[in-house]
């Protein structure tokens, strides 16, 4: 499956760093109103998922404890200055970001 961008962003291909603002064609510094970030079905315990903002602050930093068990973090419409995932930022599984 390929990465898709919209109100529901689905990411399952991490062969390059991902910059959500750039993918949408937004200018640098654009704020995103985030409802949730879900790490779907990481395949192996101890895999990690690290997502940051433009300043390098952790937005989502989780470690898989049980294989194939999804992890979700709710933001309830919080504004985040961009969302970035490094090329090695997700060990396995897929990331789903829901914007408001």
PDB file of N, CA and C in Angstrom:
ATOM      1  N   UNK A   1       0.842  -1.175   0.000  1.00  0.00           N
ATOM      2  CA  UNK A   1       0.000   0.000   0.000  1.00  0.00           C
ATOM      3  C   UNK A   1       0.888   1.239   0.000  1.00  0.00           C
ATOM      4  N   UNK A   2       0.470   2.283  -0.638  1.00  0.00           N
ATOM      5  CA  UNK A   2       1.241   3.523  -0.708  1.00  0.00           C
ATOM      6  C   UNK A   2       0.767   4.492   0.367  1.00  0.00           C
ATOM      7  N   UNK A   3       1.619   5.453   0.700  1.00  0.00           N
ATOM      8  CA  UNK A   3       1.233   6.498   1.634  1.00  0.00           C
ATOM      9  C   UNK A   3       0.118   7.335   1.021  1.00  0.00           C
ATOM     10  N   UNK A   4      -0.871   7.745   1.849  1.00  0.00           N
ATOM     11  CA  UNK A   4      -1.948   8.614   1.380  1.00  0.00           C
ATOM     12  C   UNK A   4      -2.072   9.811   2.312  1.00  0.00           C
ATOM     13  N   UNK A   5      -2.377  10.970   1.737  1.00  0.00           N
ATOM     14  CA  UNK A   5      -2.461  12.204   2.502  1.00  0.00           C
ATOM     15  C   UNK A   5      -3.831  12.833   2.322  1.00  0.00           C
ATOM     16  N   UNK A   6      -4.460  13.244   3.413  1.00  0.00           N
ATOM     17  CA  UNK A   6      -5.775  13.876   3.436  1.00  0.00           C
ATOM     18  C   UNK A   6      -6.112  14.138   4.893  1.00  0.00           C
ATOM     19  N   UNK A   7      -7.400  14.228   5.247  1.00  0.00           N
ATOM     20  CA  UNK A   7      -7.771  14.416   6.650  1.00  0.00           C
ATOM     21  C   UNK A   7      -7.327  13.209   7.477  1.00  0.00           C
ATOM     22  N   UNK A   8      -7.225  12.059   6.809  1.00  0.00           N
ATOM     23  CA  UNK A   8      -6.705  10.837   7.435  1.00  0.00           C
ATOM     24  C   UNK A   8      -5.455  10.453   6.652  1.00  0.00           C
ATOM     25  N   UNK A   9      -4.311  10.591   7.289  1.00  0.00           N
ATOM     26  CA  UNK A   9      -3.032  10.329   6.637  1.00  0.00           C
ATOM     27  C   UNK A   9      -2.598   8.913   6.995  1.00  0.00           C
ATOM     28  N   UNK A  10      -2.389   8.074   5.989  1.00  0.00           N
ATOM     29  CA  UNK A  10      -1.946   6.694   6.208  1.00  0.00           C
ATOM     30  C   UNK A  10      -0.529   6.540   5.677  1.00  0.00           C
ATOM     31  N   UNK A  11       0.364   6.121   6.552  1.00  0.00           N
ATOM     32  CA  UNK A  11       1.772   5.972   6.189  1.00  0.00           C
ATOM     33  C   UNK A  11       2.219   4.545   6.496  1.00  0.00           C
ATOM     34  N   UNK A  12       2.669   3.844   5.475  1.00  0.00           N
ATOM     35  CA  UNK A  12       3.178   2.493   5.702  1.00  0.00           C
ATOM     36  C   UNK A  12       4.464   2.228   4.937  1.00  0.00           C
ATOM     37  N   UNK A  13       4.981   3.250   4.290  1.00  0.00           N
ATOM     38  CA  UNK A  13       6.214   3.122   3.522  1.00  0.00           C
ATOM     39  C   UNK A  13       7.212   4.134   4.072  1.00  0.00           C
ATOM     40  N   UNK A  14       8.252   3.640   4.718  1.00  0.00           N
ATOM     41  CA  UNK A  14       9.212   4.524   5.378  1.00  0.00           C
ATOM     42  C   UNK A  14      10.595   4.389   4.747  1.00  0.00           C
ATOM     43  N   UNK A  15      10.649   4.525   3.425  1.00  0.00           N
ATOM     44  CA  UNK A  15      11.917   4.417   2.702  1.00  0.00           C
ATOM     45  C   UNK A  15      12.608   5.767   2.569  1.00  0.00           C
ATOM     46  N   UNK A  16      11.948   6.826   3.033  1.00  0.00           N
ATOM     47  CA  UNK A  16      12.523   8.173   3.036  1.00  0.00           C
ATOM     48  C   UNK A  16      11.909   8.919   4.211  1.00  0.00           C
ATOM     49  N   UNK A  17      12.570   9.977   4.648  1.00  0.00           N
ATOM     50  CA  UNK A  17      12.014  10.805   5.714  1.00  0.00           C
ATOM     51  C   UNK A  17      10.688  11.404   5.235  1.00  0.00           C
ATOM     52  N   UNK A  18       9.751  11.569   6.161  1.00  0.00           N
ATOM     53  CA  UNK A  18       8.432  12.105   5.821  1.00  0.00           C
ATOM     54  C   UNK A  18       8.238  13.441   6.518  1.00  0.00           C
ATOM     55  N   UNK A  19       7.847  14.442   5.746  1.00  0.00           N
ATOM     56  CA  UNK A  19       7.516  15.780   6.235  1.00  0.00           C
ATOM     57  C   UNK A  19       6.085  16.042   5.776  1.00  0.00           C
ATOM     58  N   UNK A  20       5.123  16.002   6.704  1.00  0.00           N
ATOM     59  CA  UNK A  20       3.712  16.094   6.327  1.00  0.00           C
ATOM     60  C   UNK A  20       3.401  17.425   5.640  1.00  0.00           C
ATOM     61  N   UNK A  21       3.913  18.546   6.160  1.00  0.00           N
ATOM     62  CA  UNK A  21       3.655  19.841   5.512  1.00  0.00           C
ATOM     63  C   UNK A  21       4.132  19.841   4.072  1.00  0.00           C
ATOM     64  N   UNK A  22       5.314  19.343   3.840  1.00  0.00           N
ATOM     65  CA  UNK A  22       5.868  19.295   2.487  1.00  0.00           C
ATOM     66  C   UNK A  22       5.005  18.411   1.585  1.00  0.00           C
ATOM     67  N   UNK A  23       4.540  17.289   2.122  1.00  0.00           N
ATOM     68  CA  UNK A  23       3.702  16.375   1.344  1.00  0.00           C
ATOM     69  C   UNK A  23       2.375  17.011   0.941  1.00  0.00           C
ATOM     70  N   UNK A  24       1.849  17.892   1.801  1.00  0.00           N
ATOM     71  CA  UNK A  24       0.610  18.607   1.498  1.00  0.00           C
ATOM     72  C   UNK A  24       0.846  19.838   0.631  1.00  0.00           C
ATOM     73  N   UNK A  25       2.112  20.247   0.486  1.00  0.00           N
ATOM     74  CA  UNK A  25       2.412  21.464  -0.254  1.00  0.00           C
ATOM     75  C   UNK A  25       2.257  22.714   0.597  1.00  0.00           C
ATOM     76  N   UNK A  26       2.193  22.551   1.925  1.00  0.00           N
ATOM     77  CA  UNK A  26       2.067  23.693   2.830  1.00  0.00           C
ATOM     78  C   UNK A  26       3.427  24.354   3.017  1.00  0.00           C
ATOM     79  N   UNK A  27       3.413  25.628   3.354  1.00  0.00           N
ATOM     80  CA  UNK A  27       4.671  26.321   3.627  1.00  0.00           C
ATOM     81  C   UNK A  27       5.215  25.883   4.988  1.00  0.00           C
ATOM     82  N   UNK A  28       6.506  26.045   5.168  1.00  0.00           N
ATOM     83  CA  UNK A  28       7.164  25.681   6.424  1.00  0.00           C
ATOM     84  C   UNK A  28       6.514  26.438   7.576  1.00  0.00           C
ATOM     85  N   UNK A  29       6.358  25.774   8.702  1.00  0.00           N
ATOM     86  CA  UNK A  29       5.788  26.407   9.882  1.00  0.00           C
ATOM     87  C   UNK A  29       4.277  26.313   9.989  1.00  0.00           C
ATOM     88  N   UNK A  30       3.614  25.747   8.983  1.00  0.00           N
ATOM     89  CA  UNK A  30       2.159  25.611   9.036  1.00  0.00           C
ATOM     90  C   UNK A  30       1.774  24.681  10.186  1.00  0.00           C
ATOM     91  N   UNK A  31       0.791  25.102  10.964  1.00  0.00           N
ATOM     92  CA  UNK A  31       0.312  24.302  12.087  1.00  0.00           C
ATOM     93  C   UNK A  31      -0.724  23.292  11.590  1.00  0.00           C
ATOM     94  N   UNK A  32      -0.704  22.098  12.163  1.00  0.00           N
ATOM     95  CA  UNK A  32      -1.665  21.046  11.841  1.00  0.00           C
ATOM     96  C   UNK A  32      -2.515  20.774  13.082  1.00  0.00           C
ATOM     97  N   UNK A  33      -3.831  20.709  12.918  1.00  0.00           N
ATOM     98  CA  UNK A  33      -4.738  20.411  14.029  1.00  0.00           C
ATOM     99  C   UNK A  33      -4.945  18.897  14.066  1.00  0.00           C
ATOM    100  N   UNK A  34      -4.369  18.258  15.075  1.00  0.00           N
ATOM    101  CA  UNK A  34      -4.296  16.794  15.128  1.00  0.00           C
ATOM    102  C   UNK A  34      -5.306  16.223  16.119  1.00  0.00           C
ATOM    103  N   UNK A  35      -6.069  15.244  15.660  1.00  0.00           N
ATOM    104  CA  UNK A  35      -7.000  14.537  16.536  1.00  0.00           C
ATOM    105  C   UNK A  35      -6.313  13.332  17.183  1.00  0.00           C
ATOM    106  N   UNK A  36      -5.595  12.525  16.374  1.00  0.00           N
ATOM    107  CA  UNK A  36      -4.941  11.339  16.929  1.00  0.00           C
ATOM    108  C   UNK A  36      -3.820  10.851  16.017  1.00  0.00           C
ATOM    109  N   UNK A  37      -2.919  10.081  16.629  1.00  0.00           N
ATOM    110  CA  UNK A  37      -1.885   9.357  15.894  1.00  0.00           C
ATOM    111  C   UNK A  37      -1.951   7.913  16.378  1.00  0.00           C
ATOM    112  N   UNK A  38      -2.060   6.991  15.425  1.00  0.00           N
ATOM    113  CA  UNK A  38      -2.136   5.568  15.764  1.00  0.00           C
ATOM    114  C   UNK A  38      -1.020   4.810  15.061  1.00  0.00           C
ATOM    115  N   UNK A  39      -0.337   3.984  15.822  1.00  0.00           N
ATOM    116  CA  UNK A  39       0.677   3.083  15.270  1.00  0.00           C
ATOM    117  C   UNK A  39      -0.007   1.732  15.140  1.00  0.00           C
ATOM    118  N   UNK A  40      -0.291   1.326  13.930  1.00  0.00           N
ATOM    119  CA  UNK A  40      -1.057   0.113  13.689  1.00  0.00           C
ATOM    120  C   UNK A  40      -0.160  -1.109  13.516  1.00  0.00           C
ATOM    121  N   UNK A  41      -0.444  -2.108  14.295  1.00  0.00           N
ATOM    122  CA  UNK A  41       0.144  -3.439  14.184  1.00  0.00           C
ATOM    123  C   UNK A  41       1.660  -3.486  14.017  1.00  0.00           C
ATOM    124  N   UNK A  42       2.409  -2.897  14.967  1.00  0.00           N
ATOM    125  CA  UNK A  42       3.856  -3.110  14.913  1.00  0.00           C
ATOM    126  C   UNK A  42       4.136  -4.607  15.049  1.00  0.00           C
ATOM    127  N   UNK A  43       5.002  -5.137  14.220  1.00  0.00           N
ATOM    128  CA  UNK A  43       5.152  -6.592  14.109  1.00  0.00           C
ATOM    129  C   UNK A  43       5.996  -7.249  15.191  1.00  0.00           C
ATOM    130  N   UNK A  44       6.828  -6.485  15.863  1.00  0.00           N
ATOM    131  CA  UNK A  44       7.781  -7.086  16.789  1.00  0.00           C
ATOM    132  C   UNK A  44       7.894  -6.270  18.070  1.00  0.00           C
ATOM    133  N   UNK A  45       7.864  -6.961  19.215  1.00  0.00           N
ATOM    134  CA  UNK A  45       8.097  -6.285  20.484  1.00  0.00           C
ATOM    135  C   UNK A  45       9.471  -5.621  20.439  1.00  0.00           C
ATOM    136  N   UNK A  46       9.585  -4.477  21.048  1.00  0.00           N
ATOM    137  CA  UNK A  46      10.797  -3.652  21.112  1.00  0.00           C
ATOM    138  C   UNK A  46      10.973  -2.742  19.901  1.00  0.00           C
ATOM    139  N   UNK A  47      10.157  -2.892  18.849  1.00  0.00           N
ATOM    140  CA  UNK A  47      10.193  -1.901  17.769  1.00  0.00           C
ATOM    141  C   UNK A  47       9.718  -0.567  18.327  1.00  0.00           C
ATOM    142  N   UNK A  48      10.175   0.520  17.727  1.00  0.00           N
ATOM    143  CA  UNK A  48       9.803   1.849  18.200  1.00  0.00           C
ATOM    144  C   UNK A  48       9.207   2.682  17.074  1.00  0.00           C
ATOM    145  N   UNK A  49       8.455   3.703  17.484  1.00  0.00           N
ATOM    146  CA  UNK A  49       7.923   4.690  16.549  1.00  0.00           C
ATOM    147  C   UNK A  49       8.187   6.065  17.153  1.00  0.00           C
ATOM    148  N   UNK A  50       8.877   6.916  16.407  1.00  0.00           N
ATOM    149  CA  UNK A  50       9.201   8.261  16.877  1.00  0.00           C
ATOM    150  C   UNK A  50       8.764   9.270  15.827  1.00  0.00           C
ATOM    151  N   UNK A  51       7.880  10.170  16.237  1.00  0.00           N
ATOM    152  CA  UNK A  51       7.376  11.232  15.373  1.00  0.00           C
ATOM    153  C   UNK A  51       7.658  12.546  16.083  1.00  0.00           C
ATOM    154  N   UNK A  52       8.180  13.525  15.349  1.00  0.00           N
ATOM    155  CA  UNK A  52       8.541  14.807  15.951  1.00  0.00           C
ATOM    156  C   UNK A  52       7.835  15.958  15.241  1.00  0.00           C
ATOM    157  N   UNK A  53       7.978  17.155  15.831  1.00  0.00           N
ATOM    158  CA  UNK A  53       7.469  18.360  15.181  1.00  0.00           C
ATOM    159  C   UNK A  53       8.636  19.091  14.524  1.00  0.00           C
ATOM    160  N   UNK A  54       8.385  20.293  13.998  1.00  0.00           N
ATOM    161  CA  UNK A  54       9.435  21.057  13.315  1.00  0.00           C
ATOM    162  C   UNK A  54      10.622  21.394  14.210  1.00  0.00           C
ATOM    163  N   UNK A  55      10.381  21.488  15.500  1.00  0.00           N
ATOM    164  CA  UNK A  55      11.449  21.856  16.440  1.00  0.00           C
ATOM    165  C   UNK A  55      12.218  20.646  16.960  1.00  0.00           C
ATOM    166  N   UNK A  56      11.798  19.449  16.533  1.00  0.00           N
ATOM    167  CA  UNK A  56      12.460  18.231  16.988  1.00  0.00           C
ATOM    168  C   UNK A  56      11.909  17.680  18.287  1.00  0.00           C
ATOM    169  N   UNK A  57      10.818  18.277  18.796  1.00  0.00           N
ATOM    170  CA  UNK A  57      10.191  17.770  20.016  1.00  0.00           C
ATOM    171  C   UNK A  57       9.386  16.513  19.696  1.00  0.00           C
ATOM    172  N   UNK A  58       9.435  15.549  20.601  1.00  0.00           N
ATOM    173  CA  UNK A  58       8.669  14.318  20.415  1.00  0.00           C
ATOM    174  C   UNK A  58       7.172  14.610  20.446  1.00  0.00           C
ATOM    175  N   UNK A  59       6.467  14.132  19.445  1.00  0.00           N
ATOM    176  CA  UNK A  59       5.008  14.214  19.390  1.00  0.00           C
ATOM    177  C   UNK A  59       4.436  12.837  19.735  1.00  0.00           C
ATOM    178  N   UNK A  60       5.102  11.792  19.259  1.00  0.00           N
ATOM    179  CA  UNK A  60       4.689  10.404  19.485  1.00  0.00           C
ATOM    180  C   UNK A  60       5.972   9.603  19.629  1.00  0.00           C
ATOM    181  N   UNK A  61       6.183   8.999  20.791  1.00  0.00           N
ATOM    182  CA  UNK A  61       7.401   8.235  21.053  1.00  0.00           C
ATOM    183  C   UNK A  61       6.992   6.980  21.817  1.00  0.00           C
ATOM    184  N   UNK A  62       6.825   5.886  21.102  1.00  0.00           N
ATOM    185  CA  UNK A  62       6.304   4.658  21.708  1.00  0.00           C
ATOM    186  C   UNK A  62       7.185   3.460  21.373  1.00  0.00           C
ATOM    187  N   UNK A  63       7.154   2.468  22.264  1.00  0.00           N
ATOM    188  CA  UNK A  63       7.836   1.196  22.061  1.00  0.00           C
ATOM    189  C   UNK A  63       6.800   0.083  22.093  1.00  0.00           C
ATOM    190  N   UNK A  64       6.863  -0.802  21.128  1.00  0.00           N
ATOM    191  CA  UNK A  64       5.938  -1.938  21.058  1.00  0.00           C
ATOM    192  C   UNK A  64       6.250  -2.915  22.191  1.00  0.00           C
ATOM    193  N   UNK A  65       5.227  -3.272  22.950  1.00  0.00           N
ATOM    194  CA  UNK A  65       5.367  -4.247  24.026  1.00  0.00           C
ATOM    195  C   UNK A  65       4.798  -5.597  23.593  1.00  0.00           C
ATOM    196  N   UNK A  66       3.679  -5.564  22.866  1.00  0.00           N
ATOM    197  CA  UNK A  66       3.017  -6.773  22.382  1.00  0.00           C
ATOM    198  C   UNK A  66       2.892  -6.691  20.866  1.00  0.00           C
ATOM    199  N   UNK A  67       3.483  -7.639  20.165  1.00  0.00           N
ATOM    200  CA  UNK A  67       3.438  -7.630  18.699  1.00  0.00           C
ATOM    201  C   UNK A  67       2.005  -7.576  18.185  1.00  0.00           C
ATOM    202  N   UNK A  68       1.818  -6.817  17.112  1.00  0.00           N
ATOM    203  CA  UNK A  68       0.526  -6.669  16.421  1.00  0.00           C
ATOM    204  C   UNK A  68      -0.556  -5.966  17.232  1.00  0.00           C
ATOM    205  N   UNK A  69      -0.190  -5.322  18.334  1.00  0.00           N
ATOM    206  CA  UNK A  69      -1.157  -4.555  19.120  1.00  0.00           C
ATOM    207  C   UNK A  69      -0.957  -3.071  18.829  1.00  0.00           C
ATOM    208  N   UNK A  70      -1.982  -2.433  18.297  1.00  0.00           N
ATOM    209  CA  UNK A  70      -1.892  -1.024  17.923  1.00  0.00           C
ATOM    210  C   UNK A  70      -1.806  -0.124  19.152  1.00  0.00           C
ATOM    211  N   UNK A  71      -1.155   1.029  18.974  1.00  0.00           N
ATOM    212  CA  UNK A  71      -1.009   2.031  20.032  1.00  0.00           C
ATOM    213  C   UNK A  71      -1.548   3.341  19.480  1.00  0.00           C
ATOM    214  N   UNK A  72      -2.458   3.989  20.228  1.00  0.00           N
ATOM    215  CA  UNK A  72      -3.036   5.252  19.774  1.00  0.00           C
ATOM    216  C   UNK A  72      -2.829   6.330  20.834  1.00  0.00           C
ATOM    217  N   UNK A  73      -2.570   7.540  20.363  1.00  0.00           N
ATOM    218  CA  UNK A  73      -2.438   8.701  21.243  1.00  0.00           C
ATOM    219  C   UNK A  73      -3.401   9.759  20.726  1.00  0.00           C
ATOM    220  N   UNK A  74      -4.242  10.273  21.631  1.00  0.00           N
ATOM    221  CA  UNK A  74      -5.221  11.293  21.256  1.00  0.00           C
ATOM    222  C   UNK A  74      -4.681  12.685  21.562  1.00  0.00           C
ATOM    223  N   UNK A  75      -4.933  13.619  20.657  1.00  0.00           N
ATOM    224  CA  UNK A  75      -4.495  15.003  20.815  1.00  0.00           C
ATOM    225  C   UNK A  75      -5.674  15.961  20.941  1.00  0.00           C
ATOM    226  N   UNK A  76      -6.884  15.495  20.655  1.00  0.00           N
ATOM    227  CA  UNK A  76      -8.118  16.266  20.832  1.00  0.00           C
ATOM    228  C   UNK A  76      -8.064  17.637  20.169  1.00  0.00           C
ATOM    229  N   UNK A  77      -7.534  17.696  18.954  1.00  0.00           N
ATOM    230  CA  UNK A  77      -7.506  18.949  18.207  1.00  0.00           C
ATOM    231  C   UNK A  77      -6.363  19.880  18.562  1.00  0.00           C
ATOM    232  N   UNK A  78      -5.314  19.356  19.163  1.00  0.00           N
ATOM    233  CA  UNK A  78      -4.151  20.189  19.493  1.00  0.00           C
ATOM    234  C   UNK A  78      -3.443  20.626  18.209  1.00  0.00           C
ATOM    235  N   UNK A  79      -2.910  21.839  18.237  1.00  0.00           N
ATOM    236  CA  UNK A  79      -2.154  22.359  17.092  1.00  0.00           C
ATOM    237  C   UNK A  79      -0.702  21.926  17.224  1.00  0.00           C
ATOM    238  N   UNK A  80      -0.162  21.340  16.169  1.00  0.00           N
ATOM    239  CA  UNK A  80       1.226  20.877  16.155  1.00  0.00           C
ATOM    240  C   UNK A  80       1.906  21.487  14.939  1.00  0.00           C
ATOM    241  N   UNK A  81       3.114  22.017  15.174  1.00  0.00           N
ATOM    242  CA  UNK A  81       3.857  22.645  14.086  1.00  0.00           C
ATOM    243  C   UNK A  81       4.558  21.577  13.262  1.00  0.00           C
ATOM    244  N   UNK A  82       3.819  21.075  12.265  1.00  0.00           N
ATOM    245  CA  UNK A  82       4.280  20.046  11.339  1.00  0.00           C
ATOM    246  C   UNK A  82       4.462  18.698  12.040  1.00  0.00           C
ATOM    247  N   UNK A  83       4.573  17.658  11.251  1.00  0.00           N
ATOM    248  CA  UNK A  83       4.802  16.303  11.734  1.00  0.00           C
ATOM    249  C   UNK A  83       5.880  15.705  10.846  1.00  0.00           C
ATOM    250  N   UNK A  84       6.921  15.172  11.493  1.00  0.00           N
ATOM    251  CA  UNK A  84       8.045  14.605  10.746  1.00  0.00           C
ATOM    252  C   UNK A  84       8.370  13.208  11.261  1.00  0.00           C
ATOM    253  N   UNK A  85       8.738  12.338  10.328  1.00  0.00           N
ATOM    254  CA  UNK A  85       9.177  10.990  10.672  1.00  0.00           C
ATOM    255  C   UNK A  85      10.489  10.743   9.942  1.00  0.00           C
ATOM    256  N   UNK A  86      11.535  10.433  10.706  1.00  0.00           N
ATOM    257  CA  UNK A  86      12.839  10.139  10.105  1.00  0.00           C
ATOM    258  C   UNK A  86      12.760   8.809   9.362  1.00  0.00           C
ATOM    259  N   UNK A  87      13.708   8.569   8.471  1.00  0.00           N
ATOM    260  CA  UNK A  87      13.709   7.340   7.673  1.00  0.00           C
ATOM    261  C   UNK A  87      13.709   6.091   8.564  1.00  0.00           C
ATOM    262  N   UNK A  88      14.323   6.165   9.729  1.00  0.00           N
ATOM    263  CA  UNK A  88      14.349   5.024  10.655  1.00  0.00           C
ATOM    264  C   UNK A  88      13.374   5.226  11.815  1.00  0.00           C
ATOM    265  N   UNK A  89      12.403   6.119  11.649  1.00  0.00           N
ATOM    266  CA  UNK A  89      11.518   6.508  12.744  1.00  0.00           C
ATOM    267  C   UNK A  89      10.462   5.495  13.141  1.00  0.00           C
ATOM    268  N   UNK A  90      10.127   4.561  12.256  1.00  0.00           N
ATOM    269  CA  UNK A  90       9.094   3.564  12.564  1.00  0.00           C
ATOM    270  C   UNK A  90       9.652   2.183  12.248  1.00  0.00           C
ATOM    271  N   UNK A  91       9.727   1.323  13.279  1.00  0.00           N
ATOM    272  CA  UNK A  91      10.332   0.005  13.112  1.00  0.00           C
ATOM    273  C   UNK A  91       9.515  -0.958  12.274  1.00  0.00           C
ATOM    274  N   UNK A  92       8.192  -0.871  12.359  1.00  0.00           N
ATOM    275  CA  UNK A  92       7.305  -1.757  11.596  1.00  0.00           C
ATOM    276  C   UNK A  92       5.887  -1.213  11.689  1.00  0.00           C
ATOM    277  N   UNK A  93       4.970  -1.832  10.979  1.00  0.00           N
ATOM    278  CA  UNK A  93       3.579  -1.416  11.037  1.00  0.00           C
ATOM    279  C   UNK A  93       3.310  -0.172  10.208  1.00  0.00           C
ATOM    280  N   UNK A  94       2.197   0.477  10.500  1.00  0.00           N
ATOM    281  CA  UNK A  94       1.769   1.672   9.772  1.00  0.00           C
ATOM    282  C   UNK A  94       1.412   2.767  10.769  1.00  0.00           C
ATOM    283  N   UNK A  95       1.476   4.002  10.311  1.00  0.00           N
ATOM    284  CA  UNK A  95       1.085   5.156  11.116  1.00  0.00           C
ATOM    285  C   UNK A  95      -0.142   5.783  10.466  1.00  0.00           C
ATOM    286  N   UNK A  96      -1.170   6.058  11.275  1.00  0.00           N
ATOM    287  CA  UNK A  96      -2.357   6.770  10.796  1.00  0.00           C
ATOM    288  C   UNK A  96      -2.500   8.034  11.631  1.00  0.00           C
ATOM    289  N   UNK A  97      -2.507   9.176  10.949  1.00  0.00           N
ATOM    290  CA  UNK A  97      -2.657  10.476  11.600  1.00  0.00           C
ATOM    291  C   UNK A  97      -4.009  11.033  11.172  1.00  0.00           C
ATOM    292  N   UNK A  98      -4.850  11.372  12.146  1.00  0.00           N
ATOM    293  CA  UNK A  98      -6.164  11.937  11.841  1.00  0.00           C
ATOM    294  C   UNK A  98      -6.137  13.420  12.190  1.00  0.00           C
ATOM    295  N   UNK A  99      -6.364  14.259  11.164  1.00  0.00           N
ATOM    296  CA  UNK A  99      -6.417  15.703  11.351  1.00  0.00           C
ATOM    297  C   UNK A  99      -7.867  16.137  11.516  1.00  0.00           C
ATOM    298  N   UNK A 100      -8.065  17.274  12.169  1.00  0.00           N
ATOM    299  CA  UNK A 100      -9.426  17.830  12.286  1.00  0.00           C
ATOM    300  C   UNK A 100      -9.655  18.839  11.206  1.00  0.00           C
TER     301      UNK A 100
END
